Amino acid sequence: MKKPIPRLSPPTLTRITRPKLLLACQRVLELALQYKPSEHHRELGYDGLLFGYLDACFGKIKRQYRIKMGKSGVPKRIDFRQGGMSPVVVEFAVRTPGRNEIYGSQNRDEIRKLARQRKASARYLILFDLSRKPPVNLFDLWNTYRQVNSGPGKFKRKPVQVLYLHPKLVGWFLWRP
């Protein structure tokens, strides 16, 4: 007689917090470093890896969540959202050997999308540095984000927590509008 295959129970809903998110992202970074740089040289190549790991750790994560911004009829998307009345929203960017996408000017749109999420209890921008270059100085990185504004319009602006992950350095800072 064959034994039935045990069913995995869905993950219990755990609220995303900065320390837990940093630990989860460190593990994702370790897994991402096992890819060859030429295989996944864009953000979308790591999207599935991060989504699967976040959903397994925290549960009820929605991917590419649509939001309205401004008067534009075209909806924007937030990479990940953990739902509820006060959701947690997450955007991420990847620096790979051929692409340099972790500085403030390159992530202006992501910061603006996150800063406009009034009901969110937390807003995170995760920067993965997979470039195999020395880590970026956090103070220099913070200075590039300090110059980013949250865009025109009449809306309440909220701060965003920016997490930087490199194999040799993990850190974070708060971007204020």
Protein backbone atom coordinates (compact mmCIF):
# COMPACT_ATOMS: atom_id res chain seq x y z
CA MET A 1 0.00 0.00 0.00
CA LYS A 2 1.39 3.38 -0.98
CA LYS A 3 1.69 6.11 1.57
CA PRO A 4 -0.12 9.33 0.68
CA ILE A 5 2.10 12.26 -0.15
CA PRO A 6 2.04 14.71 2.73
CA ARG A 7 0.56 18.07 1.83
CA LEU A 8 2.54 21.13 2.67
CA SER A 9 0.59 23.60 4.71
CA PRO A 10 0.56 27.16 3.46
CA PRO A 11 2.96 29.46 5.26
CA THR A 12 1.60 31.27 8.24
CA LEU A 13 1.23 34.96 7.70
CA THR A 14 4.24 36.68 9.22
CA ARG A 15 4.47 40.43 9.06
CA ILE A 16 7.44 41.71 7.07
CA THR A 17 9.81 43.67 9.29
CA ARG A 18 13.19 45.15 8.40
CA PRO A 19 15.30 42.60 10.38
CA LYS A 20 13.35 39.64 8.96
CA LEU A 21 13.47 41.09 5.44
CA LEU A 22 17.23 41.65 5.68
CA LEU A 23 17.75 38.01 6.73
CA ALA A 24 15.53 36.74 3.92
CA CYS A 25 17.28 38.95 1.36
CA GLN A 26 20.71 37.78 2.52
CA ARG A 27 19.64 34.22 1.74
CA VAL A 28 18.26 35.30 -1.64
CA LEU A 29 21.59 37.00 -2.35
CA GLU A 30 23.45 33.76 -1.55
CA LEU A 31 21.16 31.87 -3.94
CA ALA A 32 21.43 34.53 -6.66
CA LEU A 33 25.23 34.35 -6.59
CA GLN A 34 24.98 30.75 -7.74
CA TYR A 35 23.60 31.93 -11.10
CA LYS A 36 26.05 32.73 -13.86
CA PRO A 37 26.12 36.51 -14.41
CA SER A 38 25.17 36.12 -18.07
CA GLU A 39 22.07 34.02 -17.27
CA HIS A 40 20.12 36.65 -15.35
CA HIS A 41 21.49 40.05 -16.13
CA ARG A 42 18.24 41.95 -15.50
CA GLU A 43 15.94 42.44 -12.57
CA LEU A 44 13.27 40.15 -14.00
CA GLY A 45 15.68 37.22 -13.86
CA TYR A 46 15.79 37.46 -10.07
CA ASP A 47 12.13 38.36 -9.62
CA GLY A 48 10.91 34.78 -9.36
CA LEU A 49 13.63 33.83 -6.89
CA LEU A 50 12.80 36.74 -4.58
CA PHE A 51 9.05 36.23 -4.93
CA GLY A 52 9.24 32.54 -4.05
CA TYR A 53 11.48 33.13 -1.06
CA LEU A 54 9.41 36.04 0.32
CA ASP A 55 6.17 34.11 -0.13
CA ALA A 56 7.64 31.07 1.64
CA CYS A 57 8.94 33.19 4.52
CA PHE A 58 6.10 35.66 4.99
CA GLY A 59 3.04 34.37 3.09
CA LYS A 60 0.36 36.15 1.08
CA ILE A 61 2.71 38.11 -1.15
CA LYS A 62 1.28 39.58 -4.33
CA ARG A 63 3.61 40.12 -7.27
CA GLN A 64 3.41 43.07 -9.70
CA TYR A 65 0.62 44.77 -7.75
CA ARG A 66 -1.07 47.52 -9.80
CA ILE A 67 -1.40 51.01 -8.37
CA LYS A 68 -2.68 54.32 -9.71
CA MET A 69 -0.37 57.30 -9.66
CA GLY A 70 -1.29 60.82 -10.56
CA LYS A 71 -3.59 61.66 -13.43
CA SER A 72 -2.07 59.12 -15.78
CA GLY A 73 -4.50 56.45 -16.89
CA VAL A 74 -1.70 53.91 -17.09
CA PRO A 75 -1.35 51.96 -13.83
CA LYS A 76 2.10 51.49 -12.33
CA ARG A 77 3.21 48.31 -10.60
CA ILE A 78 4.85 47.63 -7.29
CA ASP A 79 7.09 44.54 -7.31
CA PHE A 80 5.67 42.94 -4.14
CA ARG A 81 2.89 43.70 -1.69
CA GLN A 82 1.94 41.90 1.48
CA GLY A 83 -1.75 42.70 1.82
CA GLY A 84 -4.07 43.80 4.54
CA MET A 85 -5.39 47.13 5.78
CA SER A 86 -1.85 48.43 6.26
CA PRO A 87 0.19 46.58 3.64
CA VAL A 88 3.94 46.30 3.29
CA VAL A 89 5.23 47.24 -0.17
CA VAL A 90 8.57 46.21 -1.65
CA GLU A 91 10.47 47.30 -4.76
CA PHE A 92 13.86 45.93 -5.71
CA ALA A 93 16.72 46.69 -8.08
CA VAL A 94 19.73 44.61 -9.10
CA ARG A 95 23.28 45.67 -9.89
CA THR A 96 24.89 43.05 -12.12
CA PRO A 97 28.29 42.99 -13.87
CA GLY A 98 26.95 44.80 -16.93
CA ARG A 99 24.35 47.04 -15.29
CA ASN A 100 24.58 49.65 -12.58
CA GLU A 101 21.08 50.20 -11.21
CA ILE A 102 21.43 50.92 -7.52
CA TYR A 103 21.91 54.68 -7.36
CA GLY A 104 19.22 57.23 -6.57
CA SER A 105 18.88 58.69 -10.06
CA GLN A 106 18.29 55.22 -11.51
CA ASN A 107 15.64 54.32 -8.91
CA ARG A 108 13.71 57.59 -8.86
CA ASP A 109 10.53 55.94 -10.17
CA GLU A 110 10.68 53.19 -7.54
CA ILE A 111 11.15 55.73 -4.73
CA ARG A 112 8.25 57.80 -6.03
CA LYS A 113 5.93 54.79 -6.25
CA LEU A 114 6.79 53.74 -2.70
CA ALA A 115 6.61 57.25 -1.19
CA ARG A 116 3.04 57.65 -2.45
CA GLN A 117 1.74 54.53 -0.68
CA ARG A 118 -0.08 56.31 2.17
CA LYS A 119 -1.76 53.29 3.73
CA ALA A 120 1.34 51.10 3.76
CA SER A 121 2.83 50.40 7.17
CA ALA A 122 6.30 49.96 5.64
CA ARG A 123 7.95 50.72 2.31
CA TYR A 124 11.17 48.98 1.26
CA LEU A 125 13.51 49.42 -1.68
CA ILE A 126 15.92 46.47 -1.83
CA LEU A 127 19.19 46.93 -3.70
CA PHE A 128 20.99 43.70 -4.60
CA ASP A 129 24.62 44.19 -5.64
CA LEU A 130 25.67 41.14 -7.68
CA SER A 131 28.30 42.99 -9.70
CA ARG A 132 31.29 41.14 -8.21
CA LYS A 133 32.83 44.58 -7.60
CA PRO A 134 33.71 46.03 -4.18
CA PRO A 135 30.67 47.17 -2.18
CA VAL A 136 29.43 50.72 -2.53
CA ASN A 137 30.03 53.02 0.43
CA LEU A 138 26.66 53.40 2.19
CA PHE A 139 27.21 57.10 2.83
CA ASP A 140 27.90 57.71 -0.87
CA LEU A 141 24.82 55.67 -1.77
CA TRP A 142 22.71 57.63 0.70
CA ASN A 143 23.94 60.89 -0.87
CA THR A 144 22.65 59.79 -4.28
CA TYR A 145 19.20 59.13 -2.79
CA ARG A 146 19.19 62.38 -0.83
CA GLN A 147 18.99 64.25 -4.14
CA VAL A 148 15.87 62.34 -5.28
CA ASN A 149 12.56 64.14 -4.78
CA SER A 150 9.19 62.46 -4.52
CA GLY A 151 7.73 64.23 -7.54
CA PRO A 152 5.18 66.96 -8.10
CA GLY A 153 1.63 66.86 -6.86
CA LYS A 154 -0.46 67.31 -3.77
CA PHE A 155 -0.13 64.12 -1.76
CA LYS A 156 1.30 63.03 1.56
CA ARG A 157 4.83 61.75 1.14
CA LYS A 158 6.11 58.85 3.24
CA PRO A 159 9.67 57.70 4.02
CA VAL A 160 11.18 54.63 2.34
CA GLN A 161 13.65 52.19 3.90
CA VAL A 162 16.44 51.41 1.44
CA LEU A 163 18.23 48.08 2.03
CA TYR A 164 21.61 47.45 0.37
CA LEU A 165 22.89 43.88 0.07
CA HIS A 166 26.33 42.92 -1.19
CA PRO A 167 28.14 39.63 -0.39
CA LYS A 168 30.55 41.58 1.85
CA LEU A 169 28.26 44.32 3.17
CA VAL A 170 24.67 44.61 4.33
CA GLY A 171 23.20 47.92 5.40
CA TRP A 172 20.20 50.19 5.25
CA PHE A 173 19.22 53.84 5.47
CA LEU A 174 16.01 55.83 5.55
CA TRP A 175 15.10 57.99 2.56
CA ARG A 176 12.98 60.93 3.64
CA PRO A 177 10.90 63.00 1.20
